[in-house]
Amino acid sequence: MSDPRILTFKKCYTGVVHDVMRAMGLRNFTLPPRISPLQPEMTLCGPAFTIEGRLDEAADPHETLLAWTGLLSKCPADHIWTAQPHTHSLAQMGELSAETLHRKGVLGCVLDGGLRDSHFLLDLGFPSWRTHHTPKDIVGQWLPTATEIDINIEDVLIRPGDWLHGDRDGMVRIPIGLLDEIIEKSTAAMQTENKVRNAILDGMDPQEAYLKWGKF
């Protein structure tokens, strides 16, 4: 991982990141719960490489595979493959694609769509977020329309380079311009939470702890 902020931010859990962003007045940054992790024990954190596409059931199989492999070539290391395919009828990631991205140093994938070959992805350890599973792939069915553009996943706008942060509880989007501030505040909030936790375990009344530290 070339950006040291990835390792630093992965130590923060999404609950505290969410609370920090809410307190900053941000809204519409939590991905819908239909997008969940294949490996809930893994934290996925880093900048988004955004992809958009469309269903095209008349597409030539060769054309779809040529376009798909072009996407794999474009996705840079130390980024998260982040796709809005505008369909839930197809798998947007599978065995060979995940292996290719993993070997390139891509951090994982976030799909507003399906996944297949899940047993292989579990063995590979490629962090994968998806809405569902299906064996049906994109061949002769789907074409990309753009990369590195603004995409929406429900009410969450994701711009190229915005960061995603996901763990067992869900995933949030962090605007790149606020990233350093949010990392700093999230780290500080976790330290405060530890003080509150220790005080309560030592017998302090929870309301007294809240009033002392403004956190619960």
C-alpha atoms as a PDB file:
ATOM      1  CA  MET A   1       0.000   0.000   0.000  1.00  0.00           C
ATOM      2  CA  SER A   2       1.692   3.180  -1.167  1.00  0.00           C
ATOM      3  CA  ASP A   3      -0.518   5.589   0.797  1.00  0.00           C
ATOM      4  CA  PRO A   4       0.183   5.241   4.548  1.00  0.00           C
ATOM      5  CA  ARG A   5      -3.232   6.710   5.316  1.00  0.00           C
ATOM      6  CA  ILE A   6      -4.791   3.389   4.279  1.00  0.00           C
ATOM      7  CA  LEU A   7      -3.226   1.531   7.198  1.00  0.00           C
ATOM      8  CA  THR A   8      -3.949   4.385   9.600  1.00  0.00           C
ATOM      9  CA  PHE A   9      -7.587   4.684   8.592  1.00  0.00           C
ATOM     10  CA  LYS A  10      -8.205   0.924   8.615  1.00  0.00           C
ATOM     11  CA  LYS A  11      -7.705   1.042  12.389  1.00  0.00           C
ATOM     12  CA  CYS A  12     -10.850   3.189  12.676  1.00  0.00           C
ATOM     13  CA  TYR A  13     -14.189   1.409  12.581  1.00  0.00           C
ATOM     14  CA  THR A  14     -17.071   2.700  10.478  1.00  0.00           C
ATOM     15  CA  GLY A  15     -19.271   3.550  13.471  1.00  0.00           C
ATOM     16  CA  VAL A  16     -16.858   6.190  14.709  1.00  0.00           C
ATOM     17  CA  VAL A  17     -16.154   7.455  11.163  1.00  0.00           C
ATOM     18  CA  HIS A  18     -19.900   7.815  10.591  1.00  0.00           C
ATOM     19  CA  ASP A  19     -20.368   9.749  13.832  1.00  0.00           C
ATOM     20  CA  VAL A  20     -17.500  12.091  13.016  1.00  0.00           C
ATOM     21  CA  MET A  21     -18.915  12.839   9.559  1.00  0.00           C
ATOM     22  CA  ARG A  22     -22.424  13.344  10.926  1.00  0.00           C
ATOM     23  CA  ALA A  23     -21.062  15.812  13.501  1.00  0.00           C
ATOM     24  CA  MET A  24     -19.338  17.688  10.655  1.00  0.00           C
ATOM     25  CA  GLY A  25     -22.734  18.206   9.030  1.00  0.00           C
ATOM     26  CA  LEU A  26     -22.209  15.750   6.164  1.00  0.00           C
ATOM     27  CA  ARG A  27     -25.134  13.781   4.780  1.00  0.00           C
ATOM     28  CA  ASN A  28     -25.778  10.955   2.307  1.00  0.00           C
ATOM     29  CA  PHE A  29     -22.471   9.174   2.777  1.00  0.00           C
ATOM     30  CA  THR A  30     -23.552   5.708   3.975  1.00  0.00           C
ATOM     31  CA  LEU A  31     -23.944   3.038   1.295  1.00  0.00           C
ATOM     32  CA  PRO A  32     -27.268   1.161   1.352  1.00  0.00           C
ATOM     33  CA  PRO A  33     -27.337  -2.050   3.416  1.00  0.00           C
ATOM     34  CA  ARG A  34     -28.015  -4.139   0.309  1.00  0.00           C
ATOM     35  CA  ILE A  35     -24.290  -3.760  -0.422  1.00  0.00           C
ATOM     36  CA  SER A  36     -22.585  -6.051   2.072  1.00  0.00           C
ATOM     37  CA  PRO A  37     -19.161  -7.691   2.436  1.00  0.00           C
ATOM     38  CA  LEU A  38     -18.432 -11.212   1.282  1.00  0.00           C
ATOM     39  CA  GLN A  39     -15.734 -11.279   3.988  1.00  0.00           C
ATOM     40  CA  PRO A  40     -17.190  -9.343   6.961  1.00  0.00           C
ATOM     41  CA  GLU A  41     -14.019  -9.907   8.969  1.00  0.00           C
ATOM     42  CA  MET A  42     -12.018  -7.792   6.479  1.00  0.00           C
ATOM     43  CA  THR A  43     -11.870  -3.977   6.440  1.00  0.00           C
ATOM     44  CA  LEU A  44     -11.732  -2.364   3.005  1.00  0.00           C
ATOM     45  CA  CYS A  45     -10.370   1.174   2.842  1.00  0.00           C
ATOM     46  CA  GLY A  46      -8.943   3.320   0.052  1.00  0.00           C
ATOM     47  CA  PRO A  47      -9.686   5.550  -2.956  1.00  0.00           C
ATOM     48  CA  ALA A  48     -12.373   4.637  -5.478  1.00  0.00           C
ATOM     49  CA  PHE A  49     -11.782   3.842  -9.131  1.00  0.00           C
ATOM     50  CA  THR A  50     -15.282   4.473 -10.462  1.00  0.00           C
ATOM     51  CA  ILE A  51     -16.959   2.513 -13.258  1.00  0.00           C
ATOM     52  CA  GLU A  52     -20.367   2.854 -14.897  1.00  0.00           C
ATOM     53  CA  GLY A  53     -22.041   0.621 -17.456  1.00  0.00           C
ATOM     54  CA  ARG A  54     -25.283  -0.607 -18.959  1.00  0.00           C
ATOM     55  CA  LEU A  55     -27.104  -3.773 -19.838  1.00  0.00           C
ATOM     56  CA  ASP A  56     -26.960  -4.582 -23.580  1.00  0.00           C
ATOM     57  CA  GLU A  57     -28.386  -8.005 -24.369  1.00  0.00           C
ATOM     58  CA  ALA A  58     -27.601  -7.522 -28.073  1.00  0.00           C
ATOM     59  CA  ALA A  59     -23.903  -6.922 -27.464  1.00  0.00           C
ATOM     60  CA  ASP A  60     -21.348  -9.058 -29.244  1.00  0.00           C
ATOM     61  CA  PRO A  61     -19.577 -11.437 -26.799  1.00  0.00           C
ATOM     62  CA  HIS A  62     -16.155 -10.450 -28.150  1.00  0.00           C
ATOM     63  CA  GLU A  63     -17.016  -6.766 -27.736  1.00  0.00           C
ATOM     64  CA  THR A  64     -18.053  -7.260 -24.119  1.00  0.00           C
ATOM     65  CA  LEU A  65     -14.916  -9.216 -23.232  1.00  0.00           C
ATOM     66  CA  LEU A  66     -12.683  -6.706 -24.999  1.00  0.00           C
ATOM     67  CA  ALA A  67     -14.298  -3.870 -23.065  1.00  0.00           C
ATOM     68  CA  TRP A  68     -14.141  -5.814 -19.789  1.00  0.00           C
ATOM     69  CA  THR A  69     -10.450  -6.637 -20.088  1.00  0.00           C
ATOM     70  CA  GLY A  70      -9.864  -2.990 -20.917  1.00  0.00           C
ATOM     71  CA  LEU A  71     -11.423  -2.083 -17.568  1.00  0.00           C
ATOM     72  CA  LEU A  72      -9.133  -4.523 -15.784  1.00  0.00           C
ATOM     73  CA  SER A  73      -6.163  -2.880 -17.472  1.00  0.00           C
ATOM     74  CA  LYS A  74      -7.240   0.625 -16.446  1.00  0.00           C
ATOM     75  CA  CYS A  75      -7.852   0.020 -12.747  1.00  0.00           C
ATOM     76  CA  PRO A  76      -4.808   1.293 -10.810  1.00  0.00           C
ATOM     77  CA  ALA A  77      -3.145  -0.350  -7.827  1.00  0.00           C
ATOM     78  CA  ASP A  78      -4.063   0.857  -4.327  1.00  0.00           C
ATOM     79  CA  HIS A  79      -7.599   1.685  -5.472  1.00  0.00           C
ATOM     80  CA  ILE A  80     -11.005   0.081  -4.982  1.00  0.00           C
ATOM     81  CA  TRP A  81     -12.900  -1.121  -8.069  1.00  0.00           C
ATOM     82  CA  THR A  82     -16.217   0.707  -7.547  1.00  0.00           C
ATOM     83  CA  ALA A  83     -18.979  -0.129 -10.022  1.00  0.00           C
ATOM     84  CA  GLN A  84     -22.458   1.155 -10.794  1.00  0.00           C
ATOM     85  CA  PRO A  85     -23.541  -1.338 -13.492  1.00  0.00           C
ATOM     86  CA  HIS A  86     -27.203  -0.247 -13.538  1.00  0.00           C
ATOM     87  CA  THR A  87     -28.339  -3.866 -13.424  1.00  0.00           C
ATOM     88  CA  HIS A  88     -28.678  -6.562 -10.790  1.00  0.00           C
ATOM     89  CA  SER A  89     -29.105  -9.370 -13.301  1.00  0.00           C
ATOM     90  CA  LEU A  90     -25.393 -10.107 -13.831  1.00  0.00           C
ATOM     91  CA  ALA A  91     -22.243 -10.809 -11.849  1.00  0.00           C
ATOM     92  CA  GLN A  92     -19.849  -7.875 -11.985  1.00  0.00           C
ATOM     93  CA  MET A  93     -16.852  -9.726 -10.565  1.00  0.00           C
ATOM     94  CA  GLY A  94     -15.616 -13.308 -10.695  1.00  0.00           C
ATOM     95  CA  GLU A  95     -12.604 -15.568 -10.333  1.00  0.00           C
ATOM     96  CA  LEU A  96     -10.243 -14.521 -13.124  1.00  0.00           C
ATOM     97  CA  SER A  97     -11.065 -10.815 -12.871  1.00  0.00           C
ATOM     98  CA  ALA A  98     -10.512 -10.789  -9.115  1.00  0.00           C
ATOM     99  CA  GLU A  99      -7.218 -12.677  -9.505  1.00  0.00           C
ATOM    100  CA  THR A 100      -6.072 -10.150 -12.115  1.00  0.00           C
ATOM    101  CA  LEU A 101      -6.953  -7.151  -9.944  1.00  0.00           C
ATOM    102  CA  HIS A 102      -5.497  -8.726  -6.811  1.00  0.00           C
ATOM    103  CA  ARG A 103      -2.169  -9.339  -8.538  1.00  0.00           C
ATOM    104  CA  LYS A 104      -2.143  -5.701  -9.710  1.00  0.00           C
ATOM    105  CA  GLY A 105      -2.476  -4.498  -6.124  1.00  0.00           C
ATOM    106  CA  VAL A 106      -6.117  -3.398  -6.371  1.00  0.00           C
ATOM    107  CA  LEU A 107      -7.504  -3.248  -2.829  1.00  0.00           C
ATOM    108  CA  GLY A 108     -10.923  -4.822  -3.428  1.00  0.00           C
ATOM    109  CA  CYS A 109     -14.256  -4.210  -5.134  1.00  0.00           C
ATOM    110  CA  VAL A 110     -17.545  -2.505  -4.300  1.00  0.00           C
ATOM    111  CA  LEU A 111     -20.402  -3.443  -6.623  1.00  0.00           C
ATOM    112  CA  ASP A 112     -23.971  -2.215  -6.800  1.00  0.00           C
ATOM    113  CA  GLY A 113     -24.539  -5.574  -8.425  1.00  0.00           C
ATOM    114  CA  GLY A 114     -23.806  -9.277  -8.327  1.00  0.00           C
ATOM    115  CA  LEU A 115     -20.789 -11.454  -7.622  1.00  0.00           C
ATOM    116  CA  ARG A 116     -19.884 -14.987  -8.658  1.00  0.00           C
ATOM    117  CA  ASP A 117     -17.152 -17.542  -7.888  1.00  0.00           C
ATOM    118  CA  SER A 118     -17.476 -16.492  -4.263  1.00  0.00           C
ATOM    119  CA  HIS A 119     -15.658 -19.588  -2.960  1.00  0.00           C
ATOM    120  CA  PHE A 120     -12.600 -18.586  -4.997  1.00  0.00           C
ATOM    121  CA  LEU A 121     -12.723 -14.973  -3.831  1.00  0.00           C
ATOM    122  CA  LEU A 122     -12.880 -16.178  -0.245  1.00  0.00           C
ATOM    123  CA  ASP A 123      -9.771 -18.297  -0.785  1.00  0.00           C
ATOM    124  CA  LEU A 124      -8.040 -15.431  -2.589  1.00  0.00           C
ATOM    125  CA  GLY A 125      -8.798 -12.932   0.166  1.00  0.00           C
ATOM    126  CA  PHE A 126      -9.921 -10.236  -2.276  1.00  0.00           C
ATOM    127  CA  PRO A 127     -12.274  -7.968  -0.260  1.00  0.00           C
ATOM    128  CA  SER A 128     -15.563  -7.910  -2.161  1.00  0.00           C
ATOM    129  CA  TRP A 129     -18.760  -5.977  -1.493  1.00  0.00           C
ATOM    130  CA  ARG A 130     -21.870  -6.878  -3.496  1.00  0.00           C
ATOM    131  CA  THR A 131     -25.653  -6.978  -3.471  1.00  0.00           C
ATOM    132  CA  HIS A 132     -26.112 -10.683  -4.267  1.00  0.00           C
ATOM    133  CA  HIS A 133     -24.659 -13.707  -6.015  1.00  0.00           C
ATOM    134  CA  THR A 134     -25.419 -15.092  -9.472  1.00  0.00           C
ATOM    135  CA  PRO A 135     -23.543 -17.354 -11.913  1.00  0.00           C
ATOM    136  CA  LYS A 136     -24.659 -15.190 -14.854  1.00  0.00           C
ATOM    137  CA  ASP A 137     -21.747 -13.147 -16.251  1.00  0.00           C
ATOM    138  CA  ILE A 138     -21.387 -10.083 -18.492  1.00  0.00           C
ATOM    139  CA  VAL A 139     -20.473 -11.890 -21.735  1.00  0.00           C
ATOM    140  CA  GLY A 140     -22.781 -10.704 -24.517  1.00  0.00           C
ATOM    141  CA  GLN A 141     -24.849  -8.867 -21.905  1.00  0.00           C
ATOM    142  CA  TRP A 142     -23.129  -5.745 -20.528  1.00  0.00           C
ATOM    143  CA  LEU A 143     -20.827  -2.931 -21.610  1.00  0.00           C
ATOM    144  CA  PRO A 144     -18.990  -0.228 -19.648  1.00  0.00           C
ATOM    145  CA  THR A 145     -19.867   3.349 -20.548  1.00  0.00           C
ATOM    146  CA  ALA A 146     -17.308   5.351 -18.536  1.00  0.00           C
ATOM    147  CA  THR A 147     -14.579   5.218 -15.922  1.00  0.00           C
ATOM    148  CA  GLU A 148     -13.272   7.803 -13.489  1.00  0.00           C
ATOM    149  CA  ILE A 149     -16.583   9.655 -13.431  1.00  0.00           C
ATOM    150  CA  ASP A 150     -19.052  10.584 -10.703  1.00  0.00           C
ATOM    151  CA  ILE A 151     -21.390   7.694  -9.884  1.00  0.00           C
ATOM    152  CA  ASN A 152     -24.329   7.328  -7.520  1.00  0.00           C
ATOM    153  CA  ILE A 153     -25.130   4.342  -5.374  1.00  0.00           C
ATOM    154  CA  GLU A 154     -28.629   5.202  -4.210  1.00  0.00           C
ATOM    155  CA  ASP A 155     -28.245   8.633  -2.519  1.00  0.00           C
ATOM    156  CA  VAL A 156     -24.454   8.399  -2.149  1.00  0.00           C
ATOM    157  CA  LEU A 157     -22.399  10.349  -4.673  1.00  0.00           C
ATOM    158  CA  ILE A 158     -18.939   8.848  -5.241  1.00  0.00           C
ATOM    159  CA  ARG A 159     -16.416  10.934  -7.129  1.00  0.00           C
ATOM    160  CA  PRO A 160     -13.172   9.536  -8.544  1.00  0.00           C
ATOM    161  CA  GLY A 161     -10.598   9.485  -5.759  1.00  0.00           C
ATOM    162  CA  ASP A 162     -13.141   9.722  -2.922  1.00  0.00           C
ATOM    163  CA  TRP A 163     -12.347   7.149  -0.263  1.00  0.00           C
ATOM    164  CA  LEU A 164     -14.485   4.216   0.794  1.00  0.00           C
ATOM    165  CA  HIS A 165     -14.270   2.694   4.251  1.00  0.00           C
ATOM    166  CA  GLY A 166     -16.131  -0.514   5.020  1.00  0.00           C
ATOM    167  CA  ASP A 167     -16.217  -3.143   7.752  1.00  0.00           C
ATOM    168  CA  ARG A 168     -18.739  -5.583   9.221  1.00  0.00           C
ATOM    169  CA  ASP A 169     -21.165  -2.742  10.027  1.00  0.00           C
ATOM    170  CA  GLY A 170     -21.328  -1.189   6.549  1.00  0.00           C
ATOM    171  CA  MET A 171     -19.519   1.245   4.278  1.00  0.00           C
ATOM    172  CA  VAL A 172     -19.168   5.029   4.111  1.00  0.00           C
ATOM    173  CA  ARG A 173     -17.835   7.380   1.440  1.00  0.00           C
ATOM    174  CA  ILE A 174     -15.339  10.052   2.461  1.00  0.00           C
ATOM    175  CA  PRO A 175     -14.849  13.116   0.215  1.00  0.00           C
ATOM    176  CA  ILE A 176     -11.193  13.271  -0.728  1.00  0.00           C
ATOM    177  CA  GLY A 177     -10.973  16.938   0.257  1.00  0.00           C
ATOM    178  CA  LEU A 178     -11.957  16.089   3.844  1.00  0.00           C
ATOM    179  CA  LEU A 179     -10.028  12.844   4.183  1.00  0.00           C
ATOM    180  CA  ASP A 180      -7.163  14.016   6.397  1.00  0.00           C
ATOM    181  CA  GLU A 181      -9.514  15.910   8.719  1.00  0.00           C
ATOM    182  CA  ILE A 182     -11.825  12.896   9.056  1.00  0.00           C
ATOM    183  CA  ILE A 183      -8.923  10.507   9.752  1.00  0.00           C
ATOM    184  CA  GLU A 184      -7.619  12.849  12.450  1.00  0.00           C
ATOM    185  CA  LYS A 185     -11.026  13.337  14.070  1.00  0.00           C
ATOM    186  CA  SER A 186     -11.880   9.623  13.888  1.00  0.00           C
ATOM    187  CA  THR A 187      -8.605   8.677  15.557  1.00  0.00           C
ATOM    188  CA  ALA A 188      -9.216  11.250  18.311  1.00  0.00           C
ATOM    189  CA  ALA A 189     -12.814  10.065  18.768  1.00  0.00           C
ATOM    190  CA  MET A 190     -11.651   6.479  19.270  1.00  0.00           C
ATOM    191  CA  GLN A 191      -9.253   7.634  21.977  1.00  0.00           C
ATOM    192  CA  THR A 192     -12.095   9.466  23.702  1.00  0.00           C
ATOM    193  CA  GLU A 193     -14.332   6.401  23.451  1.00  0.00           C
ATOM    194  CA  ASN A 194     -11.636   4.367  25.175  1.00  0.00           C
ATOM    195  CA  LYS A 195     -11.612   6.850  28.063  1.00  0.00           C
ATOM    196  CA  VAL A 196     -15.410   6.636  28.362  1.00  0.00           C
ATOM    197  CA  ARG A 197     -15.330   2.828  28.210  1.00  0.00           C
ATOM    198  CA  ASN A 198     -12.640   2.545  30.857  1.00  0.00           C
ATOM    199  CA  ALA A 199     -14.414   5.016  33.132  1.00  0.00           C
ATOM    200  CA  ILE A 200     -17.701   3.093  32.920  1.00  0.00           C
ATOM    201  CA  LEU A 201     -15.917  -0.201  33.550  1.00  0.00           C
ATOM    202  CA  ASP A 202     -14.352   1.426  36.623  1.00  0.00           C
ATOM    203  CA  GLY A 203     -17.827   2.289  37.911  1.00  0.00           C
ATOM    204  CA  MET A 204     -18.573   5.786  36.612  1.00  0.00           C
ATOM    205  CA  ASP A 205     -22.224   6.490  35.835  1.00  0.00           C
ATOM    206  CA  PRO A 206     -22.738   6.475  32.028  1.00  0.00           C
ATOM    207  CA  GLN A 207     -24.465   9.859  32.030  1.00  0.00           C
ATOM    208  CA  GLU A 208     -21.649  11.338  34.082  1.00  0.00           C
ATOM    209  CA  ALA A 209     -19.152   9.888  31.597  1.00  0.00           C
ATOM    210  CA  TYR A 210     -21.080  11.377  28.700  1.00  0.00           C
ATOM    211  CA  LEU A 211     -21.233  14.806  30.321  1.00  0.00           C
ATOM    212  CA  LYS A 212     -17.495  14.696  31.065  1.00  0.00           C
ATOM    213  CA  TRP A 213     -16.323  13.686  27.588  1.00  0.00           C
ATOM    214  CA  GLY A 214     -19.316  14.524  25.342  1.00  0.00           C
ATOM    215  CA  LYS A 215     -19.165  11.056  23.826  1.00  0.00           C
ATOM    216  CA  PHE A 216     -21.034   7.790  24.238  1.00  0.00           C
END
